[in-house]
Amino acid sequence: PALGEVLGEQGVRDVSAYVLTRLNARQLPEDAKANPVAGQKTFATLCAACHGPEGKGMPILGAPDLTHPDAFIYGASFARLQQTIRDGRQGQMPAQQALQGNDRVHILAAYVYSLSRQEKPAEPK
């Protein structure tokens, strides 16, 4: 199912931010308006089953290691990561928009984006 509708746009942005900033040590675009810490909770709930709690991936499932920018075969930009979370990828990544909504997909994307950063994310509350 698509996570875009379940997460919402803010959820997608937040999870994307978490992955790109915490896992790949990259900066979010200034206009991202995303919260990687909020995305971390969503990632733990929805993404860790395939990508692992640290985002290291499970190659046997086709889930890439999100800590390496080269793993993003569809592009590692914040916008492309949001698209992957929202719409999924045929045969591998399920779309999340229908389950999560646009706002939650945005939050999830922010968190996933932040995973690329070298510093440790805040502990979920």
PDB file of N, CA and C in Angstrom:
ATOM      1  N   PRO A   1       0.827  -1.206   0.000  1.00  0.00           N
ATOM      2  CA  PRO A   1       0.000   0.000   0.000  1.00  0.00           C
ATOM      3  C   PRO A   1       0.861   1.257   0.000  1.00  0.00           C
ATOM      4  N   ALA A   2       0.346   2.308  -0.537  1.00  0.00           N
ATOM      5  CA  ALA A   2       1.063   3.588  -0.574  1.00  0.00           C
ATOM      6  C   ALA A   2       1.077   4.216   0.809  1.00  0.00           C
ATOM      7  N   LEU A   3       2.206   4.814   1.193  1.00  0.00           N
ATOM      8  CA  LEU A   3       2.298   5.483   2.495  1.00  0.00           C
ATOM      9  C   LEU A   3       2.007   6.965   2.409  1.00  0.00           C
ATOM     10  N   GLY A   4       1.940   7.524   1.231  1.00  0.00           N
ATOM     11  CA  GLY A   4       1.721   8.952   1.070  1.00  0.00           C
ATOM     12  C   GLY A   4       0.475   9.464   1.764  1.00  0.00           C
ATOM     13  N   GLU A   5      -0.645   8.795   1.577  1.00  0.00           N
ATOM     14  CA  GLU A   5      -1.887   9.258   2.189  1.00  0.00           C
ATOM     15  C   GLU A   5      -1.915   9.010   3.684  1.00  0.00           C
ATOM     16  N   VAL A   6      -1.255   7.982   4.144  1.00  0.00           N
ATOM     17  CA  VAL A   6      -1.234   7.684   5.576  1.00  0.00           C
ATOM     18  C   VAL A   6      -0.295   8.638   6.309  1.00  0.00           C
ATOM     19  N   LEU A   7       0.884   8.881   5.744  1.00  0.00           N
ATOM     20  CA  LEU A   7       1.862   9.767   6.380  1.00  0.00           C
ATOM     21  C   LEU A   7       1.543  11.231   6.173  1.00  0.00           C
ATOM     22  N   GLY A   8       1.004  11.581   5.037  1.00  0.00           N
ATOM     23  CA  GLY A   8       0.800  12.972   4.691  1.00  0.00           C
ATOM     24  C   GLY A   8       2.105  13.583   4.215  1.00  0.00           C
ATOM     25  N   GLU A   9       2.009  14.777   3.628  1.00  0.00           N
ATOM     26  CA  GLU A   9       3.203  15.418   3.083  1.00  0.00           C
ATOM     27  C   GLU A   9       4.241  15.715   4.155  1.00  0.00           C
ATOM     28  N   GLN A  10       3.803  16.156   5.323  1.00  0.00           N
ATOM     29  CA  GLN A  10       4.776  16.453   6.380  1.00  0.00           C
ATOM     30  C   GLN A  10       5.481  15.181   6.833  1.00  0.00           C
ATOM     31  N   GLY A  11       4.761  14.086   6.926  1.00  0.00           N
ATOM     32  CA  GLY A  11       5.365  12.815   7.305  1.00  0.00           C
ATOM     33  C   GLY A  11       6.387  12.338   6.293  1.00  0.00           C
ATOM     34  N   VAL A  12       6.079  12.484   5.024  1.00  0.00           N
ATOM     35  CA  VAL A  12       7.018  12.105   3.966  1.00  0.00           C
ATOM     36  C   VAL A  12       8.280  12.951   4.070  1.00  0.00           C
ATOM     37  N   ARG A  13       8.119  14.264   4.254  1.00  0.00           N
ATOM     38  CA  ARG A  13       9.285  15.155   4.368  1.00  0.00           C
ATOM     39  C   ARG A  13      10.132  14.789   5.574  1.00  0.00           C
ATOM     40  N   ASP A  14       9.493  14.516   6.708  1.00  0.00           N
ATOM     41  CA  ASP A  14      10.243  14.231   7.927  1.00  0.00           C
ATOM     42  C   ASP A  14      11.043  12.933   7.831  1.00  0.00           C
ATOM     43  N   VAL A  15      10.453  11.889   7.288  1.00  0.00           N
ATOM     44  CA  VAL A  15      11.186  10.628   7.158  1.00  0.00           C
ATOM     45  C   VAL A  15      12.311  10.774   6.134  1.00  0.00           C
ATOM     46  N   SER A  16      12.044  11.465   5.044  1.00  0.00           N
ATOM     47  CA  SER A  16      13.100  11.713   4.060  1.00  0.00           C
ATOM     48  C   SER A  16      14.244  12.487   4.696  1.00  0.00           C
ATOM     49  N   ALA A  17      13.909  13.471   5.514  1.00  0.00           N
ATOM     50  CA  ALA A  17      14.938  14.266   6.192  1.00  0.00           C
ATOM     51  C   ALA A  17      15.759  13.401   7.133  1.00  0.00           C
ATOM     52  N   TYR A  18      15.101  12.515   7.843  1.00  0.00           N
ATOM     53  CA  TYR A  18      15.823  11.631   8.760  1.00  0.00           C
ATOM     54  C   TYR A  18      16.833  10.774   8.002  1.00  0.00           C
ATOM     55  N   VAL A  19      16.403  10.145   6.928  1.00  0.00           N
ATOM     56  CA  VAL A  19      17.295   9.256   6.175  1.00  0.00           C
ATOM     57  C   VAL A  19      18.468  10.025   5.589  1.00  0.00           C
ATOM     58  N   LEU A  20      18.208  11.147   4.955  1.00  0.00           N
ATOM     59  CA  LEU A  20      19.283  11.856   4.278  1.00  0.00           C
ATOM     60  C   LEU A  20      20.239  12.563   5.222  1.00  0.00           C
ATOM     61  N   THR A  21      19.752  13.075   6.345  1.00  0.00           N
ATOM     62  CA  THR A  21      20.656  13.801   7.242  1.00  0.00           C
ATOM     63  C   THR A  21      21.333  12.899   8.255  1.00  0.00           C
ATOM     64  N   ARG A  22      20.637  11.910   8.766  1.00  0.00           N
ATOM     65  CA  ARG A  22      21.218  11.051   9.798  1.00  0.00           C
ATOM     66  C   ARG A  22      21.994   9.881   9.217  1.00  0.00           C
ATOM     67  N   LEU A  23      21.571   9.364   8.088  1.00  0.00           N
ATOM     68  CA  LEU A  23      22.259   8.208   7.513  1.00  0.00           C
ATOM     69  C   LEU A  23      23.313   8.590   6.487  1.00  0.00           C
ATOM     70  N   ASN A  24      23.084   9.652   5.752  1.00  0.00           N
ATOM     71  CA  ASN A  24      23.995  10.023   4.683  1.00  0.00           C
ATOM     72  C   ASN A  24      24.781  11.293   4.963  1.00  0.00           C
ATOM     73  N   ALA A  25      24.664  11.862   6.143  1.00  0.00           N
ATOM     74  CA  ALA A  25      25.411  13.059   6.553  1.00  0.00           C
ATOM     75  C   ALA A  25      25.290  14.189   5.537  1.00  0.00           C
ATOM     76  N   ARG A  26      24.092  14.356   5.009  1.00  0.00           N
ATOM     77  CA  ARG A  26      23.849  15.422   4.040  1.00  0.00           C
ATOM     78  C   ARG A  26      22.945  16.472   4.643  1.00  0.00           C
ATOM     79  N   GLN A  27      22.968  17.639   4.061  1.00  0.00           N
ATOM     80  CA  GLN A  27      22.143  18.747   4.531  1.00  0.00           C
ATOM     81  C   GLN A  27      20.782  18.722   3.843  1.00  0.00           C
ATOM     82  N   LEU A  28      19.764  19.075   4.606  1.00  0.00           N
ATOM     83  CA  LEU A  28      18.436  19.237   4.021  1.00  0.00           C
ATOM     84  C   LEU A  28      18.408  20.532   3.225  1.00  0.00           C
ATOM     85  N   PRO A  29      17.594  20.582   2.182  1.00  0.00           N
ATOM     86  CA  PRO A  29      17.398  21.862   1.508  1.00  0.00           C
ATOM     87  C   PRO A  29      16.811  22.864   2.513  1.00  0.00           C
ATOM     88  N   GLU A  30      17.169  24.130   2.380  1.00  0.00           N
ATOM     89  CA  GLU A  30      16.703  25.138   3.335  1.00  0.00           C
ATOM     90  C   GLU A  30      15.188  25.226   3.406  1.00  0.00           C
ATOM     91  N   ASP A  31      14.515  24.959   2.307  1.00  0.00           N
ATOM     92  CA  ASP A  31      13.054  25.069   2.275  1.00  0.00           C
ATOM     93  C   ASP A  31      12.344  23.749   2.579  1.00  0.00           C
ATOM     94  N   ALA A  32      13.045  22.776   3.150  1.00  0.00           N
ATOM     95  CA  ALA A  32      12.480  21.440   3.370  1.00  0.00           C
ATOM     96  C   ALA A  32      11.323  21.429   4.359  1.00  0.00           C
ATOM     97  N   LYS A  33      11.360  22.261   5.380  1.00  0.00           N
ATOM     98  CA  LYS A  33      10.299  22.300   6.393  1.00  0.00           C
ATOM     99  C   LYS A  33       9.988  20.895   6.898  1.00  0.00           C
ATOM    100  N   ALA A  34      11.027  20.202   7.336  1.00  0.00           N
ATOM    101  CA  ALA A  34      10.889  18.814   7.765  1.00  0.00           C
ATOM    102  C   ALA A  34      11.538  18.611   9.126  1.00  0.00           C
ATOM    103  N   ASN A  35      11.038  17.619   9.864  1.00  0.00           N
ATOM    104  CA  ASN A  35      11.531  17.322  11.203  1.00  0.00           C
ATOM    105  C   ASN A  35      12.045  15.883  11.252  1.00  0.00           C
ATOM    106  N   PRO A  36      13.373  15.698  11.167  1.00  0.00           N
ATOM    107  CA  PRO A  36      13.929  14.345  11.189  1.00  0.00           C
ATOM    108  C   PRO A  36      13.588  13.559  12.455  1.00  0.00           C
ATOM    109  N   VAL A  37      13.483  14.231  13.590  1.00  0.00           N
ATOM    110  CA  VAL A  37      13.179  13.538  14.848  1.00  0.00           C
ATOM    111  C   VAL A  37      11.770  12.943  14.795  1.00  0.00           C
ATOM    112  N   ALA A  38      10.820  13.686  14.259  1.00  0.00           N
ATOM    113  CA  ALA A  38       9.459  13.163  14.108  1.00  0.00           C
ATOM    114  C   ALA A  38       9.448  11.995  13.125  1.00  0.00           C
ATOM    115  N   GLY A  39      10.248  12.094  12.080  1.00  0.00           N
ATOM    116  CA  GLY A  39      10.319  11.023  11.098  1.00  0.00           C
ATOM    117  C   GLY A  39      10.914   9.747  11.654  1.00  0.00           C
ATOM    118  N   GLN A  40      11.755   9.869  12.671  1.00  0.00           N
ATOM    119  CA  GLN A  40      12.400   8.697  13.266  1.00  0.00           C
ATOM    120  C   GLN A  40      11.378   7.721  13.836  1.00  0.00           C
ATOM    121  N   LYS A  41      10.352   8.231  14.492  1.00  0.00           N
ATOM    122  CA  LYS A  41       9.315   7.358  15.063  1.00  0.00           C
ATOM    123  C   LYS A  41       8.575   6.604  13.962  1.00  0.00           C
ATOM    124  N   THR A  42       8.250   7.314  12.899  1.00  0.00           N
ATOM    125  CA  THR A  42       7.552   6.677  11.788  1.00  0.00           C
ATOM    126  C   THR A  42       8.441   5.638  11.125  1.00  0.00           C
ATOM    127  N   PHE A  43       9.717   5.966  10.958  1.00  0.00           N
ATOM    128  CA  PHE A  43      10.670   5.027  10.366  1.00  0.00           C
ATOM    129  C   PHE A  43      10.726   3.748  11.196  1.00  0.00           C
ATOM    130  N   ALA A  44      10.813   3.894  12.515  1.00  0.00           N
ATOM    131  CA  ALA A  44      10.896   2.731  13.403  1.00  0.00           C
ATOM    132  C   ALA A  44       9.662   1.846  13.266  1.00  0.00           C
ATOM    133  N   THR A  45       8.520   2.458  13.056  1.00  0.00           N
ATOM    134  CA  THR A  45       7.267   1.721  12.952  1.00  0.00           C
ATOM    135  C   THR A  45       7.058   1.092  11.579  1.00  0.00           C
ATOM    136  N   LEU A  46       7.342   1.846  10.523  1.00  0.00           N
ATOM    137  CA  LEU A  46       6.979   1.408   9.177  1.00  0.00           C
ATOM    138  C   LEU A  46       8.128   0.922   8.301  1.00  0.00           C
ATOM    139  N   CYS A  47       9.332   1.374   8.560  1.00  0.00           N
ATOM    140  CA  CYS A  47      10.436   1.118   7.631  1.00  0.00           C
ATOM    141  C   CYS A  47      11.483   0.146   8.159  1.00  0.00           C
ATOM    142  N   ALA A  48      11.646   0.107   9.476  1.00  0.00           N
ATOM    143  CA  ALA A  48      12.719  -0.688  10.074  1.00  0.00           C
ATOM    144  C   ALA A  48      12.579  -2.185   9.805  1.00  0.00           C
ATOM    145  N   ALA A  49      11.376  -2.665   9.570  1.00  0.00           N
ATOM    146  CA  ALA A  49      11.195  -4.094   9.302  1.00  0.00           C
ATOM    147  C   ALA A  49      11.996  -4.529   8.078  1.00  0.00           C
ATOM    148  N   CYS A  50      12.099  -3.670   7.086  1.00  0.00           N
ATOM    149  CA  CYS A  50      12.869  -3.999   5.876  1.00  0.00           C
ATOM    150  C   CYS A  50      14.256  -3.359   5.872  1.00  0.00           C
ATOM    151  N   HIS A  51      14.339  -2.109   6.295  1.00  0.00           N
ATOM    152  CA  HIS A  51      15.607  -1.379   6.227  1.00  0.00           C
ATOM    153  C   HIS A  51      16.442  -1.516   7.493  1.00  0.00           C
ATOM    154  N   GLY A  52      15.884  -2.135   8.531  1.00  0.00           N
ATOM    155  CA  GLY A  52      16.602  -2.295   9.791  1.00  0.00           C
ATOM    156  C   GLY A  52      16.504  -1.047  10.654  1.00  0.00           C
ATOM    157  N   PRO A  53      16.665  -1.187  11.971  1.00  0.00           N
ATOM    158  CA  PRO A  53      16.508  -0.049  12.882  1.00  0.00           C
ATOM    159  C   PRO A  53      17.535   1.055  12.655  1.00  0.00           C
ATOM    160  N   GLU A  54      18.694   0.711  12.121  1.00  0.00           N
ATOM    161  CA  GLU A  54      19.739   1.704  11.844  1.00  0.00           C
ATOM    162  C   GLU A  54      19.768   2.104  10.371  1.00  0.00           C
ATOM    163  N   GLY A  55      18.831   1.584   9.580  1.00  0.00           N
ATOM    164  CA  GLY A  55      18.774   1.907   8.162  1.00  0.00           C
ATOM    165  C   GLY A  55      19.819   1.206   7.318  1.00  0.00           C
ATOM    166  N   LYS A  56      20.406   0.135   7.830  1.00  0.00           N
ATOM    167  CA  LYS A  56      21.479  -0.573   7.125  1.00  0.00           C
ATOM    168  C   LYS A  56      20.962  -1.490   6.013  1.00  0.00           C
ATOM    169  N   GLY A  57      19.655  -1.690   5.946  1.00  0.00           N
ATOM    170  CA  GLY A  57      19.067  -2.454   4.862  1.00  0.00           C
ATOM    171  C   GLY A  57      19.085  -3.955   5.055  1.00  0.00           C
ATOM    172  N   MET A  58      18.381  -4.644   4.171  1.00  0.00           N
ATOM    173  CA  MET A  58      18.322  -6.104   4.117  1.00  0.00           C
ATOM    174  C   MET A  58      18.362  -6.482   2.645  1.00  0.00           C
ATOM    175  N   PRO A  59      19.565  -6.692   2.102  1.00  0.00           N
ATOM    176  CA  PRO A  59      19.694  -6.976   0.670  1.00  0.00           C
ATOM    177  C   PRO A  59      18.848  -8.148   0.187  1.00  0.00           C
ATOM    178  N   ILE A  60      18.667  -9.152   1.011  1.00  0.00           N
ATOM    179  CA  ILE A  60      17.885 -10.312   0.588  1.00  0.00           C
ATOM    180  C   ILE A  60      16.430  -9.940   0.308  1.00  0.00           C
ATOM    181  N   LEU A  61      15.946  -8.876   0.946  1.00  0.00           N
ATOM    182  CA  LEU A  61      14.586  -8.394   0.716  1.00  0.00           C
ATOM    183  C   LEU A  61      14.540  -7.322  -0.360  1.00  0.00           C
ATOM    184  N   GLY A  62      15.707  -6.883  -0.817  1.00  0.00           N
ATOM    185  CA  GLY A  62      15.759  -5.793  -1.784  1.00  0.00           C
ATOM    186  C   GLY A  62      15.698  -4.431  -1.128  1.00  0.00           C
ATOM    187  N   ALA A  63      15.857  -4.370   0.199  1.00  0.00           N
ATOM    188  CA  ALA A  63      15.827  -3.102   0.934  1.00  0.00           C
ATOM    189  C   ALA A  63      17.254  -2.576   1.053  1.00  0.00           C
ATOM    190  N   PRO A  64      17.562  -1.442   0.403  1.00  0.00           N
ATOM    191  CA  PRO A  64      18.934  -0.946   0.397  1.00  0.00           C
ATOM    192  C   PRO A  64      19.386  -0.385   1.739  1.00  0.00           C
ATOM    193  N   ASP A  65      20.692  -0.308   1.882  1.00  0.00           N
ATOM    194  CA  ASP A  65      21.341   0.325   3.029  1.00  0.00           C
ATOM    195  C   ASP A  65      21.200   1.828   2.845  1.00  0.00           C
ATOM    196  N   LEU A  66      20.371   2.453   3.660  1.00  0.00           N
ATOM    197  CA  LEU A  66      20.089   3.879   3.525  1.00  0.00           C
ATOM    198  C   LEU A  66      21.204   4.762   4.061  1.00  0.00           C
ATOM    199  N   THR A  67      22.256   4.163   4.591  1.00  0.00           N
ATOM    200  CA  THR A  67      23.367   4.956   5.113  1.00  0.00           C
ATOM    201  C   THR A  67      24.371   5.316   4.023  1.00  0.00           C
ATOM    202  N   HIS A  68      24.189   4.796   2.816  1.00  0.00           N
ATOM    203  CA  HIS A  68      25.099   5.080   1.706  1.00  0.00           C
ATOM    204  C   HIS A  68      24.338   5.735   0.562  1.00  0.00           C
ATOM    205  N   PRO A  69      24.738   6.955   0.160  1.00  0.00           N
ATOM    206  CA  PRO A  69      24.040   7.647  -0.925  1.00  0.00           C
ATOM    207  C   PRO A  69      23.965   6.831  -2.216  1.00  0.00           C
ATOM    208  N   ASP A  70      24.955   5.985  -2.475  1.00  0.00           N
ATOM    209  CA  ASP A  70      24.957   5.186  -3.698  1.00  0.00           C
ATOM    210  C   ASP A  70      23.842   4.144  -3.718  1.00  0.00           C
ATOM    211  N   ALA A  71      23.235   3.877  -2.580  1.00  0.00           N
ATOM    212  CA  ALA A  71      22.166   2.882  -2.502  1.00  0.00           C
ATOM    213  C   ALA A  71      20.856   3.397  -3.085  1.00  0.00           C
ATOM    214  N   PHE A  72      20.735   4.694  -3.254  1.00  0.00           N
ATOM    215  CA  PHE A  72      19.501   5.294  -3.748  1.00  0.00           C
ATOM    216  C   PHE A  72      19.483   5.236  -5.271  1.00  0.00           C
ATOM    217  N   ILE A  73      19.054   4.116  -5.828  1.00  0.00           N
ATOM    218  CA  ILE A  73      19.123   3.927  -7.276  1.00  0.00           C
ATOM    219  C   ILE A  73      18.161   4.831  -8.036  1.00  0.00           C
ATOM    220  N   TYR A  74      17.162   5.373  -7.374  1.00  0.00           N
ATOM    221  CA  TYR A  74      16.214   6.277  -8.028  1.00  0.00           C
ATOM    222  C   TYR A  74      16.531   7.734  -7.727  1.00  0.00           C
ATOM    223  N   GLY A  75      17.668   7.988  -7.088  1.00  0.00           N
ATOM    224  CA  GLY A  75      18.074   9.351  -6.759  1.00  0.00           C
ATOM    225  C   GLY A  75      18.052   9.575  -5.266  1.00  0.00           C
ATOM    226  N   ALA A  76      19.040  10.332  -4.783  1.00  0.00           N
ATOM    227  CA  ALA A  76      19.190  10.554  -3.349  1.00  0.00           C
ATOM    228  C   ALA A  76      18.782  11.954  -2.918  1.00  0.00           C
ATOM    229  N   SER A  77      18.168  12.704  -3.807  1.00  0.00           N
ATOM    230  CA  SER A  77      17.728  14.045  -3.415  1.00  0.00           C
ATOM    231  C   SER A  77      16.534  13.928  -2.468  1.00  0.00           C
ATOM    232  N   PHE A  78      16.302  14.981  -1.721  1.00  0.00           N
ATOM    233  CA  PHE A  78      15.176  15.018  -0.798  1.00  0.00           C
ATOM    234  C   PHE A  78      13.862  14.785  -1.551  1.00  0.00           C
ATOM    235  N   ALA A  79      13.719  15.411  -2.709  1.00  0.00           N
ATOM    236  CA  ALA A  79      12.495  15.267  -3.505  1.00  0.00           C
ATOM    237  C   ALA A  79      12.308  13.829  -3.997  1.00  0.00           C
ATOM    238  N   ARG A  80      13.381  13.191  -4.463  1.00  0.00           N
ATOM    239  CA  ARG A  80      13.271  11.818  -4.962  1.00  0.00           C
ATOM    240  C   ARG A  80      12.971  10.836  -3.836  1.00  0.00           C
ATOM    241  N   LEU A  81      13.559  11.082  -2.667  1.00  0.00           N
ATOM    242  CA  LEU A  81      13.282  10.219  -1.523  1.00  0.00           C
ATOM    243  C   LEU A  81      11.817  10.327  -1.118  1.00  0.00           C
ATOM    244  N   GLN A  82      11.289  11.542  -1.113  1.00  0.00           N
ATOM    245  CA  GLN A  82       9.869  11.721  -0.802  1.00  0.00           C
ATOM    246  C   GLN A  82       9.007  10.974  -1.810  1.00  0.00           C
ATOM    247  N   GLN A  83       9.380  11.050  -3.089  1.00  0.00           N
ATOM    248  CA  GLN A  83       8.615  10.356  -4.124  1.00  0.00           C
ATOM    249  C   GLN A  83       8.628   8.848  -3.890  1.00  0.00           C
ATOM    250  N   THR A  84       9.777   8.297  -3.520  1.00  0.00           N
ATOM    251  CA  THR A  84       9.874   6.859  -3.270  1.00  0.00           C
ATOM    252  C   THR A  84       8.996   6.454  -2.100  1.00  0.00           C
ATOM    253  N   ILE A  85       9.026   7.232  -1.022  1.00  0.00           N
ATOM    254  CA  ILE A  85       8.207   6.915   0.150  1.00  0.00           C
ATOM    255  C   ILE A  85       6.728   7.055  -0.180  1.00  0.00           C
ATOM    256  N   ARG A  86       6.374   8.122  -0.860  1.00  0.00           N
ATOM    257  CA  ARG A  86       4.980   8.394  -1.180  1.00  0.00           C
ATOM    258  C   ARG A  86       4.412   7.365  -2.151  1.00  0.00           C
ATOM    259  N   ASP A  87       5.138   7.101  -3.241  1.00  0.00           N
ATOM    260  CA  ASP A  87       4.602   6.298  -4.338  1.00  0.00           C
ATOM    261  C   ASP A  87       5.144   4.879  -4.410  1.00  0.00           C
ATOM    262  N   GLY A  88       6.223   4.594  -3.671  1.00  0.00           N
ATOM    263  CA  GLY A  88       6.827   3.272  -3.703  1.00  0.00           C
ATOM    264  C   GLY A  88       7.636   3.050  -4.964  1.00  0.00           C
ATOM    265  N   ARG A  89       8.188   1.846  -5.079  1.00  0.00           N
ATOM    266  CA  ARG A  89       8.962   1.450  -6.258  1.00  0.00           C
ATOM    267  C   ARG A  89       8.504   0.058  -6.654  1.00  0.00           C
ATOM    268  N   GLN A  90       8.132  -0.100  -7.902  1.00  0.00           N
ATOM    269  CA  GLN A  90       7.560  -1.349  -8.400  1.00  0.00           C
ATOM    270  C   GLN A  90       8.436  -2.545  -8.056  1.00  0.00           C
ATOM    271  N   GLY A  91       7.817  -3.542  -7.452  1.00  0.00           N
ATOM    272  CA  GLY A  91       8.483  -4.793  -7.159  1.00  0.00           C
ATOM    273  C   GLY A  91       9.310  -4.801  -5.891  1.00  0.00           C
ATOM    274  N   GLN A  92       9.526  -3.666  -5.261  1.00  0.00           N
ATOM    275  CA  GLN A  92      10.375  -3.605  -4.076  1.00  0.00           C
ATOM    276  C   GLN A  92       9.733  -2.814  -2.949  1.00  0.00           C
ATOM    277  N   MET A  93       9.699  -1.511  -3.110  1.00  0.00           N
ATOM    278  CA  MET A  93       9.246  -0.607  -2.056  1.00  0.00           C
ATOM    279  C   MET A  93       7.757  -0.340  -2.216  1.00  0.00           C
ATOM    280  N   PRO A  94       6.957  -0.711  -1.210  1.00  0.00           N
ATOM    281  CA  PRO A  94       5.519  -0.440  -1.314  1.00  0.00           C
ATOM    282  C   PRO A  94       5.244   1.054  -1.200  1.00  0.00           C
ATOM    283  N   ALA A  95       4.264   1.514  -1.941  1.00  0.00           N
ATOM    284  CA  ALA A  95       3.840   2.913  -1.839  1.00  0.00           C
ATOM    285  C   ALA A  95       3.194   3.128  -0.478  1.00  0.00           C
ATOM    286  N   GLN A  96       3.401   4.285   0.095  1.00  0.00           N
ATOM    287  CA  GLN A  96       2.933   4.542   1.449  1.00  0.00           C
ATOM    288  C   GLN A  96       1.861   5.626   1.544  1.00  0.00           C
ATOM    289  N   GLN A  97       1.590   6.339   0.464  1.00  0.00           N
ATOM    290  CA  GLN A  97       0.671   7.463   0.519  1.00  0.00           C
ATOM    291  C   GLN A  97      -0.730   7.067   0.956  1.00  0.00           C
ATOM    292  N   ALA A  98      -1.268   5.984   0.431  1.00  0.00           N
ATOM    293  CA  ALA A  98      -2.634   5.584   0.773  1.00  0.00           C
ATOM    294  C   ALA A  98      -2.755   5.212   2.247  1.00  0.00           C
ATOM    295  N   LEU A  99      -1.715   4.619   2.822  1.00  0.00           N
ATOM    296  CA  LEU A  99      -1.743   4.222   4.235  1.00  0.00           C
ATOM    297  C   LEU A  99      -1.481   5.378   5.188  1.00  0.00           C
ATOM    298  N   GLN A 100      -0.513   6.211   4.853  1.00  0.00           N
ATOM    299  CA  GLN A 100      -0.020   7.214   5.798  1.00  0.00           C
ATOM    300  C   GLN A 100      -0.535   8.624   5.551  1.00  0.00           C
ATOM    301  N   GLY A 101      -0.935   8.953   4.358  1.00  0.00           N
ATOM    302  CA  GLY A 101      -1.348  10.313   4.054  1.00  0.00           C
ATOM    303  C   GLY A 101      -0.133  11.178   3.742  1.00  0.00           C
ATOM    304  N   ASN A 102      -0.366  12.281   3.048  1.00  0.00           N
ATOM    305  CA  ASN A 102       0.730  13.138   2.606  1.00  0.00           C
ATOM    306  C   ASN A 102       1.536  13.715   3.752  1.00  0.00           C
ATOM    307  N   ASP A 103       0.896  14.153   4.815  1.00  0.00           N
ATOM    308  CA  ASP A 103       1.630  14.771   5.925  1.00  0.00           C
ATOM    309  C   ASP A 103       2.572  13.781   6.594  1.00  0.00           C
ATOM    310  N   ARG A 104       2.126  12.573   6.824  1.00  0.00           N
ATOM    311  CA  ARG A 104       2.980  11.581   7.486  1.00  0.00           C
ATOM    312  C   ARG A 104       4.087  11.084   6.565  1.00  0.00           C
ATOM    313  N   VAL A 105       3.840  11.011   5.264  1.00  0.00           N
ATOM    314  CA  VAL A 105       4.896  10.643   4.321  1.00  0.00           C
ATOM    315  C   VAL A 105       5.993  11.696   4.365  1.00  0.00           C
ATOM    316  N   HIS A 106       5.602  12.956   4.468  1.00  0.00           N
ATOM    317  CA  HIS A 106       6.578  14.050   4.551  1.00  0.00           C
ATOM    318  C   HIS A 106       7.441  13.894   5.804  1.00  0.00           C
ATOM    319  N   ILE A 107       6.831  13.569   6.932  1.00  0.00           N
ATOM    320  CA  ILE A 107       7.577  13.374   8.181  1.00  0.00           C
ATOM    321  C   ILE A 107       8.519  12.179   8.048  1.00  0.00           C
ATOM    322  N   LEU A 108       8.025  11.091   7.475  1.00  0.00           N
ATOM    323  CA  LEU A 108       8.851   9.899   7.285  1.00  0.00           C
ATOM    324  C   LEU A 108      10.045  10.199   6.383  1.00  0.00           C
ATOM    325  N   ALA A 109       9.813  10.944   5.320  1.00  0.00           N
ATOM    326  CA  ALA A 109      10.902  11.295   4.404  1.00  0.00           C
ATOM    327  C   ALA A 109      11.971  12.121   5.108  1.00  0.00           C
ATOM    328  N   ALA A 110      11.558  13.028   5.977  1.00  0.00           N
ATOM    329  CA  ALA A 110      12.523  13.850   6.716  1.00  0.00           C
ATOM    330  C   ALA A 110      13.397  12.972   7.603  1.00  0.00           C
ATOM    331  N   TYR A 111      12.781  12.019   8.250  1.00  0.00           N
ATOM    332  CA  TYR A 111      13.549  11.131   9.129  1.00  0.00           C
ATOM    333  C   TYR A 111      14.530  10.282   8.316  1.00  0.00           C
ATOM    334  N   VAL A 112      14.060   9.708   7.226  1.00  0.00           N
ATOM    335  CA  VAL A 112      14.917   8.880   6.388  1.00  0.00           C
ATOM    336  C   VAL A 112      16.086   9.716   5.856  1.00  0.00           C
ATOM    337  N   TYR A 113      15.794  10.942   5.474  1.00  0.00           N
ATOM    338  CA  TYR A 113      16.835  11.859   4.999  1.00  0.00           C
ATOM    339  C   TYR A 113      17.880  12.073   6.087  1.00  0.00           C
ATOM    340  N   SER A 114      17.442  12.230   7.324  1.00  0.00           N
ATOM    341  CA  SER A 114      18.371  12.511   8.423  1.00  0.00           C
ATOM    342  C   SER A 114      19.221  11.301   8.805  1.00  0.00           C
ATOM    343  N   LEU A 115      18.806  10.099   8.426  1.00  0.00           N
ATOM    344  CA  LEU A 115      19.582   8.904   8.749  1.00  0.00           C
ATOM    345  C   LEU A 115      20.982   8.959   8.155  1.00  0.00           C
ATOM    346  N   SER A 116      21.136   9.761   7.134  1.00  0.00           N
ATOM    347  CA  SER A 116      22.429   9.846   6.468  1.00  0.00           C
ATOM    348  C   SER A 116      23.437  10.696   7.229  1.00  0.00           C
ATOM    349  N   ARG A 117      23.016  11.356   8.270  1.00  0.00           N
ATOM    350  CA  ARG A 117      23.946  12.172   9.067  1.00  0.00           C
ATOM    351  C   ARG A 117      24.750  11.278   9.986  1.00  0.00           C
ATOM    352  N   GLN A 118      25.940  11.733  10.329  1.00  0.00           N
ATOM    353  CA  GLN A 118      26.823  10.942  11.169  1.00  0.00           C
ATOM    354  C   GLN A 118      26.432  10.996  12.631  1.00  0.00           C
ATOM    355  N   GLU A 119      25.784  12.070  13.070  1.00  0.00           N
ATOM    356  CA  GLU A 119      25.418  12.144  14.479  1.00  0.00           C
ATOM    357  C   GLU A 119      24.241  11.229  14.768  1.00  0.00           C
ATOM    358  N   LYS A 120      24.094  10.828  16.000  1.00  0.00           N
ATOM    359  CA  LYS A 120      23.010   9.930  16.405  1.00  0.00           C
ATOM    360  C   LYS A 120      21.711  10.719  16.485  1.00  0.00           C
ATOM    361  N   PRO A 121      20.587  10.138  16.025  1.00  0.00           N
ATOM    362  CA  PRO A 121      19.296  10.802  16.153  1.00  0.00           C
ATOM    363  C   PRO A 121      18.845  10.800  17.609  1.00  0.00           C
ATOM    364  N   ALA A 122      17.958  11.718  17.911  1.00  0.00           N
ATOM    365  CA  ALA A 122      17.400  11.772  19.259  1.00  0.00           C
ATOM    366  C   ALA A 122      16.596  10.507  19.522  1.00  0.00           C
ATOM    367  N   GLU A 123      16.564  10.090  20.761  1.00  0.00           N
ATOM    368  CA  GLU A 123      15.786   8.910  21.142  1.00  0.00           C
ATOM    369  C   GLU A 123      14.300   9.214  21.006  1.00  0.00           C
ATOM    370  N   PRO A 124      13.505   8.292  20.452  1.00  0.00           N
ATOM    371  CA  PRO A 124      12.061   8.507  20.368  1.00  0.00           C
ATOM    372  C   PRO A 124      11.461   8.585  21.767  1.00  0.00           C
ATOM    373  N   LYS A 125      10.435   9.414  21.884  1.00  0.00           N
ATOM    374  CA  LYS A 125       9.767   9.566  23.183  1.00  0.00           C
ATOM    375  C   LYS A 125       8.579   8.661  23.291  1.00  0.00           C
TER     376      LYS A 125
END
